[in-house]
Amino acid sequence: MRPLWASAALAALLFTAADAIFAQRQPVDQIVAVVGDRVILASELSSQMQLATLQTGQRPETETQQREFRDEMLQQMISDQLILVAARQ
């Protein structure tokens, strides 16, 4: 009969391996736009939205307002990247 600690170690190892397998299936971030050779990630967009909300003190309330705010912020980020791409050329 195996010692109890060996069984516990084996169980811990199996749980760790299972967590690693499932973690690989979850996306870390999403690409929301590509400008030239630069991608804009969902996390970057979210950060910009939070920053703008803090700076203005205004928070979109309805789902429509949130979608419009997101679209405006994304458009601004794309415009900023286009300016940078043009400046590099």
C-alpha atoms as a PDB file:
ATOM      1  CA  MET A   1       0.000   0.000   0.000  1.00  0.00           C
ATOM      2  CA  ARG A   2       1.344   3.398  -0.963  1.00  0.00           C
ATOM      3  CA  PRO A   3       1.967   5.990   1.668  1.00  0.00           C
ATOM      4  CA  LEU A   4      -0.737   8.617   1.942  1.00  0.00           C
ATOM      5  CA  TRP A   5       1.657  11.420   0.976  1.00  0.00           C
ATOM      6  CA  ALA A   6       2.481   9.711  -2.328  1.00  0.00           C
ATOM      7  CA  SER A   7      -1.201   9.466  -3.218  1.00  0.00           C
ATOM      8  CA  ALA A   8      -1.745  13.093  -2.286  1.00  0.00           C
ATOM      9  CA  ALA A   9       1.227  14.170  -4.400  1.00  0.00           C
ATOM     10  CA  LEU A  10      -0.079  12.195  -7.366  1.00  0.00           C
ATOM     11  CA  ALA A  11      -3.538  13.753  -6.992  1.00  0.00           C
ATOM     12  CA  ALA A  12      -2.025  17.252  -6.811  1.00  0.00           C
ATOM     13  CA  LEU A  13       0.024  16.566  -9.934  1.00  0.00           C
ATOM     14  CA  LEU A  14      -3.058  15.377 -11.823  1.00  0.00           C
ATOM     15  CA  PHE A  15      -5.061  18.441 -10.792  1.00  0.00           C
ATOM     16  CA  THR A  16      -2.225  20.727 -11.872  1.00  0.00           C
ATOM     17  CA  ALA A  17      -1.990  18.992 -15.261  1.00  0.00           C
ATOM     18  CA  ALA A  18      -5.763  19.229 -15.748  1.00  0.00           C
ATOM     19  CA  ASP A  19      -5.696  22.953 -14.914  1.00  0.00           C
ATOM     20  CA  ALA A  20      -2.922  23.505 -17.464  1.00  0.00           C
ATOM     21  CA  ILE A  21      -4.871  21.684 -20.167  1.00  0.00           C
ATOM     22  CA  PHE A  22      -8.048  23.672 -19.557  1.00  0.00           C
ATOM     23  CA  ALA A  23      -6.144  26.953 -19.256  1.00  0.00           C
ATOM     24  CA  GLN A  24      -4.714  26.472 -22.733  1.00  0.00           C
ATOM     25  CA  ARG A  25      -8.205  26.501 -24.215  1.00  0.00           C
ATOM     26  CA  GLN A  26      -9.187  29.891 -22.832  1.00  0.00           C
ATOM     27  CA  PRO A  27      -8.278  32.951 -24.911  1.00  0.00           C
ATOM     28  CA  VAL A  28      -6.079  35.438 -23.128  1.00  0.00           C
ATOM     29  CA  ASP A  29      -7.015  38.423 -25.280  1.00  0.00           C
ATOM     30  CA  GLN A  30      -8.737  39.223 -28.553  1.00  0.00           C
ATOM     31  CA  ILE A  31      -7.655  41.277 -31.524  1.00  0.00           C
ATOM     32  CA  VAL A  32     -10.241  43.986 -32.201  1.00  0.00           C
ATOM     33  CA  ALA A  33      -8.424  45.775 -35.052  1.00  0.00           C
ATOM     34  CA  VAL A  34      -5.318  45.573 -37.201  1.00  0.00           C
ATOM     35  CA  VAL A  35      -3.665  48.765 -38.461  1.00  0.00           C
ATOM     36  CA  GLY A  36      -0.667  48.131 -40.682  1.00  0.00           C
ATOM     37  CA  ASP A  37       1.498  45.695 -38.762  1.00  0.00           C
ATOM     38  CA  ARG A  38       0.062  46.717 -35.377  1.00  0.00           C
ATOM     39  CA  VAL A  39      -2.829  45.004 -33.603  1.00  0.00           C
ATOM     40  CA  ILE A  40      -5.207  46.616 -31.157  1.00  0.00           C
ATOM     41  CA  LEU A  41      -6.203  44.207 -28.411  1.00  0.00           C
ATOM     42  CA  ALA A  42      -9.478  44.101 -26.517  1.00  0.00           C
ATOM     43  CA  SER A  43      -7.544  44.698 -23.293  1.00  0.00           C
ATOM     44  CA  GLU A  44      -6.001  47.887 -24.747  1.00  0.00           C
ATOM     45  CA  LEU A  45      -9.427  49.114 -25.828  1.00  0.00           C
ATOM     46  CA  SER A  46     -10.827  48.356 -22.386  1.00  0.00           C
ATOM     47  CA  SER A  47      -7.989  50.287 -20.726  1.00  0.00           C
ATOM     48  CA  GLN A  48      -8.580  53.300 -22.970  1.00  0.00           C
ATOM     49  CA  MET A  49     -12.303  53.191 -22.225  1.00  0.00           C
ATOM     50  CA  GLN A  50     -11.618  53.121 -18.474  1.00  0.00           C
ATOM     51  CA  LEU A  51      -9.156  55.991 -18.756  1.00  0.00           C
ATOM     52  CA  ALA A  52     -11.614  58.118 -20.758  1.00  0.00           C
ATOM     53  CA  THR A  53     -14.362  57.365 -18.255  1.00  0.00           C
ATOM     54  CA  LEU A  54     -12.157  58.444 -15.358  1.00  0.00           C
ATOM     55  CA  GLN A  55     -11.007  61.602 -17.131  1.00  0.00           C
ATOM     56  CA  THR A  56     -14.462  62.751 -18.190  1.00  0.00           C
ATOM     57  CA  GLY A  57     -16.444  61.473 -15.229  1.00  0.00           C
ATOM     58  CA  GLN A  58     -19.096  60.293 -17.661  1.00  0.00           C
ATOM     59  CA  ARG A  59     -20.115  56.676 -17.859  1.00  0.00           C
ATOM     60  CA  PRO A  60     -22.331  55.266 -20.610  1.00  0.00           C
ATOM     61  CA  GLU A  61     -25.390  53.733 -19.005  1.00  0.00           C
ATOM     62  CA  THR A  62     -27.446  51.979 -21.639  1.00  0.00           C
ATOM     63  CA  GLU A  63     -26.217  49.146 -23.817  1.00  0.00           C
ATOM     64  CA  THR A  64     -26.523  51.403 -26.867  1.00  0.00           C
ATOM     65  CA  GLN A  65     -24.433  54.113 -25.200  1.00  0.00           C
ATOM     66  CA  GLN A  66     -21.817  51.559 -24.204  1.00  0.00           C
ATOM     67  CA  ARG A  67     -21.606  50.212 -27.746  1.00  0.00           C
ATOM     68  CA  GLU A  68     -21.337  53.723 -29.200  1.00  0.00           C
ATOM     69  CA  PHE A  69     -18.654  54.646 -26.651  1.00  0.00           C
ATOM     70  CA  ARG A  70     -16.704  51.481 -27.473  1.00  0.00           C
ATOM     71  CA  ASP A  71     -16.967  52.192 -31.208  1.00  0.00           C
ATOM     72  CA  GLU A  72     -15.817  55.805 -30.739  1.00  0.00           C
ATOM     73  CA  MET A  73     -12.843  54.745 -28.627  1.00  0.00           C
ATOM     74  CA  LEU A  74     -11.862  52.055 -31.117  1.00  0.00           C
ATOM     75  CA  GLN A  75     -12.135  54.519 -33.998  1.00  0.00           C
ATOM     76  CA  GLN A  76      -9.897  56.960 -32.119  1.00  0.00           C
ATOM     77  CA  MET A  77      -7.321  54.232 -31.437  1.00  0.00           C
ATOM     78  CA  ILE A  78      -7.354  53.246 -35.127  1.00  0.00           C
ATOM     79  CA  SER A  79      -6.901  56.889 -36.148  1.00  0.00           C
ATOM     80  CA  ASP A  80      -3.987  57.246 -33.727  1.00  0.00           C
ATOM     81  CA  GLN A  81      -2.334  54.146 -35.188  1.00  0.00           C
ATOM     82  CA  LEU A  82      -2.870  55.389 -38.753  1.00  0.00           C
ATOM     83  CA  ILE A  83      -1.109  58.638 -37.835  1.00  0.00           C
ATOM     84  CA  LEU A  84       1.802  56.670 -36.383  1.00  0.00           C
ATOM     85  CA  VAL A  85       2.004  54.439 -39.480  1.00  0.00           C
ATOM     86  CA  ALA A  86       2.046  57.521 -41.733  1.00  0.00           C
ATOM     87  CA  ALA A  87       4.706  59.188 -39.588  1.00  0.00           C
ATOM     88  CA  ARG A  88       6.989  56.151 -39.896  1.00  0.00           C
ATOM     89  CA  GLN A  89       6.908  56.288 -43.695  1.00  0.00           C
END
